Amino acid sequence: MIARIWSGESSLWRLLLPLSWLYGLVSGAIRLSYKLGLKRAWRAPVPVVVVGNLTAGGNG
């Protein structure tokens, strides 16, 4: 299914394309608000460790 969507053979891209535009618009607006100083980054009062990409059961 993903291969068909990626190659353009599926009509699902017609549904996902406007959603991707909306996502890009919102994320761009948020980025711009930080650049213009309308939003400020929050600093934690203690050191923070971030762990990502954990999986259970294997990756393939």
C-alpha atoms as a PDB file:
ATOM      1  CA  MET A   1       0.000   0.000   0.000  1.00  0.00           C
ATOM      2  CA  ILE A   2       2.739   2.457   0.927  1.00  0.00           C
ATOM      3  CA  ALA A   3       4.596   1.648  -2.294  1.00  0.00           C
ATOM      4  CA  ARG A   4       1.457   2.408  -4.340  1.00  0.00           C
ATOM      5  CA  ILE A   5       0.911   5.703  -2.512  1.00  0.00           C
ATOM      6  CA  TRP A   6       4.599   6.632  -2.899  1.00  0.00           C
ATOM      7  CA  SER A   7       4.593   5.919  -6.634  1.00  0.00           C
ATOM      8  CA  GLY A   8       1.358   7.859  -7.170  1.00  0.00           C
ATOM      9  CA  GLU A   9      -0.770   4.868  -8.171  1.00  0.00           C
ATOM     10  CA  SER A  10      -3.202   5.305  -5.269  1.00  0.00           C
ATOM     11  CA  SER A  11      -5.901   7.960  -4.988  1.00  0.00           C
ATOM     12  CA  LEU A  12      -5.224   8.308  -1.252  1.00  0.00           C
ATOM     13  CA  TRP A  13      -2.784  11.126  -2.033  1.00  0.00           C
ATOM     14  CA  ARG A  14      -5.776  13.280  -3.017  1.00  0.00           C
ATOM     15  CA  LEU A  15      -6.957  13.089   0.584  1.00  0.00           C
ATOM     16  CA  LEU A  16      -3.527  13.482   2.146  1.00  0.00           C
ATOM     17  CA  LEU A  17      -2.268  16.387   0.029  1.00  0.00           C
ATOM     18  CA  PRO A  18      -4.572  19.064   1.537  1.00  0.00           C
ATOM     19  CA  LEU A  19      -3.780  17.721   5.005  1.00  0.00           C
ATOM     20  CA  SER A  20      -0.062  18.063   4.309  1.00  0.00           C
ATOM     21  CA  TRP A  21      -0.614  21.653   3.149  1.00  0.00           C
ATOM     22  CA  LEU A  22      -2.498  22.399   6.366  1.00  0.00           C
ATOM     23  CA  TYR A  23       0.256  20.810   8.453  1.00  0.00           C
ATOM     24  CA  GLY A  24       2.894  22.856   6.624  1.00  0.00           C
ATOM     25  CA  LEU A  25       0.918  26.060   7.097  1.00  0.00           C
ATOM     26  CA  VAL A  26       0.432  25.516  10.829  1.00  0.00           C
ATOM     27  CA  SER A  27       4.033  24.452  11.480  1.00  0.00           C
ATOM     28  CA  GLY A  28       5.317  27.406   9.452  1.00  0.00           C
ATOM     29  CA  ALA A  29       3.130  29.802  11.447  1.00  0.00           C
ATOM     30  CA  ILE A  30       4.431  28.376  14.712  1.00  0.00           C
ATOM     31  CA  ARG A  31       8.056  28.674  13.520  1.00  0.00           C
ATOM     32  CA  LEU A  32       7.440  32.257  12.415  1.00  0.00           C
ATOM     33  CA  SER A  33       5.894  33.156  15.775  1.00  0.00           C
ATOM     34  CA  TYR A  34       9.104  32.030  17.501  1.00  0.00           C
ATOM     35  CA  LYS A  35      11.256  34.023  15.050  1.00  0.00           C
ATOM     36  CA  LEU A  36       9.185  37.174  15.560  1.00  0.00           C
ATOM     37  CA  GLY A  37       9.314  36.804  19.336  1.00  0.00           C
ATOM     38  CA  LEU A  38       5.587  36.217  19.722  1.00  0.00           C
ATOM     39  CA  LYS A  39       6.302  32.888  21.408  1.00  0.00           C
ATOM     40  CA  ARG A  40       9.219  32.059  23.659  1.00  0.00           C
ATOM     41  CA  ALA A  41      10.950  28.758  24.296  1.00  0.00           C
ATOM     42  CA  TRP A  42      10.445  27.334  27.772  1.00  0.00           C
ATOM     43  CA  ARG A  43      13.554  26.400  29.740  1.00  0.00           C
ATOM     44  CA  ALA A  44      13.269  23.616  32.277  1.00  0.00           C
ATOM     45  CA  PRO A  45      14.694  24.440  35.711  1.00  0.00           C
ATOM     46  CA  VAL A  46      16.483  21.053  35.799  1.00  0.00           C
ATOM     47  CA  PRO A  47      18.468  19.090  33.191  1.00  0.00           C
ATOM     48  CA  VAL A  48      16.269  17.008  30.889  1.00  0.00           C
ATOM     49  CA  VAL A  49      17.177  13.761  29.122  1.00  0.00           C
ATOM     50  CA  VAL A  50      15.150  12.915  26.012  1.00  0.00           C
ATOM     51  CA  VAL A  51      14.979   9.335  24.750  1.00  0.00           C
ATOM     52  CA  GLY A  52      13.366   8.613  21.400  1.00  0.00           C
ATOM     53  CA  ASN A  53      12.703   5.820  18.923  1.00  0.00           C
ATOM     54  CA  LEU A  54      12.088   3.110  21.493  1.00  0.00           C
ATOM     55  CA  THR A  55      10.427  -0.031  20.171  1.00  0.00           C
ATOM     56  CA  ALA A  56       9.055  -3.180  21.708  1.00  0.00           C
ATOM     57  CA  GLY A  57       9.357  -6.426  19.815  1.00  0.00           C
ATOM     58  CA  GLY A  58      11.814  -5.491  17.103  1.00  0.00           C
ATOM     59  CA  ASN A  59      12.010  -3.338  14.007  1.00  0.00           C
ATOM     60  CA  GLY A  60      11.488  -5.622  11.143  1.00  0.00           C
END
